[in-house]
Protein backbone atom coordinates (compact mmCIF):
# COMPACT_ATOMS: atom_id res chain seq x y z
CA TRP A 1 0.00 0.00 0.00
CA GLN A 2 2.72 2.47 0.96
CA THR A 3 4.79 1.62 -2.12
CA ASN A 4 1.79 2.27 -4.37
CA LEU A 5 1.10 5.55 -2.57
CA LEU A 6 4.70 6.67 -2.99
CA ASN A 7 4.73 5.66 -6.67
CA ALA A 8 1.52 7.61 -7.30
CA ALA A 9 2.92 10.65 -5.50
CA MET A 10 6.15 10.48 -7.50
CA ASN A 11 4.25 10.21 -10.78
CA ASN A 12 2.06 13.18 -9.86
CA ALA A 13 5.07 15.26 -8.84
CA LYS A 14 6.80 14.30 -12.07
CA ARG A 15 3.83 15.42 -14.20
CA ARG A 16 3.38 18.70 -12.30
CA GLY A 17 7.01 19.74 -12.13
CA ASP A 18 9.81 20.65 -14.49
CA PRO A 19 10.78 17.50 -16.43
CA GLN A 20 14.51 18.29 -16.34
CA LYS A 21 14.47 18.83 -12.58
CA TYR A 22 12.67 15.54 -12.07
CA GLN A 23 15.22 13.83 -14.30
CA ILE A 24 18.07 15.30 -12.22
CA PHE A 25 16.31 14.04 -9.08
CA ASP A 26 15.81 10.61 -10.66
CA PHE A 27 19.45 10.22 -11.70
CA TYR A 28 20.72 11.35 -8.29
CA VAL A 29 18.25 9.54 -6.03
CA ASN A 30 16.88 6.55 -7.93
CA LYS A 31 19.81 5.73 -10.21
CA ASP A 32 22.33 6.58 -7.47
CA TRP A 33 24.59 8.73 -9.64
CA ALA A 34 27.18 10.85 -7.86
CA PRO A 35 26.15 14.54 -7.56
CA GLY A 36 29.16 15.60 -9.62
CA LYS A 37 28.25 13.24 -12.45
CA VAL A 38 24.64 14.47 -12.47
CA ALA A 39 25.80 18.09 -12.45
CA GLU A 40 28.18 17.51 -15.33
CA CYS A 41 25.60 15.60 -17.38
CA PHE A 42 22.93 18.30 -17.01
CA GLY A 43 25.18 21.35 -17.03
CA VAL A 44 24.28 22.52 -13.53
CA SER A 45 26.28 22.98 -10.35
CA VAL A 46 26.49 20.33 -7.64
CA GLU A 47 24.70 22.77 -5.32
CA GLN A 48 21.82 22.91 -7.79
CA VAL A 49 21.62 19.11 -7.78
CA TYR A 50 21.21 19.18 -3.99
CA GLN A 51 18.61 21.98 -4.17
CA ILE A 52 16.61 20.16 -6.84
CA LYS A 53 16.72 16.95 -4.82
CA HIS A 54 15.39 18.82 -1.79
CA ARG A 55 12.61 20.57 -3.73
CA VAL A 56 11.43 17.47 -5.58
CA THR A 57 11.51 15.45 -2.36
CA GLU A 58 9.36 18.12 -0.70
CA ALA A 59 6.92 18.09 -3.64
CA ILE A 60 6.62 14.31 -3.31
CA ARG A 61 6.09 14.60 0.43
CA ILE A 62 3.29 17.13 -0.12
CA GLU A 63 1.73 14.91 -2.76
CA VAL A 64 1.81 11.89 -0.41
CA SER A 65 0.01 13.95 2.21
CA ARG A 66 -2.58 15.11 -0.32
CA LEU A 67 -3.23 11.56 -1.52
CA GLU A 68 -3.56 10.28 2.05
CA LYS A 69 -6.18 12.95 2.80
CA GLU A 70 -8.13 11.96 -0.32
CA MET A 71 -8.30 8.39 0.91
CA THR A 72 -9.87 9.27 4.24
C-alpha cells in the first residue's frame, strides 16, 4: 500500500514539475549517480543538484500527504 502511494505521488510530482528537474532528481536519487556526475551531465552545479533533490523530495512529500487525505 505504501509503495503504491509513494509511486503515485512520485508520478504526480513528475507530471506537475519541471521534467529536467525531475530527471536530475531521478538520476541522483533513484539511479544513485554521484552529484558531480549528475551536475556535469545536465550542465548545472552540484549545489543545484542538492537543491533540486530537496525541492522534488518536498513536492513528493506534499503529494503523499494530499493523496492520504483523499483516501480518508
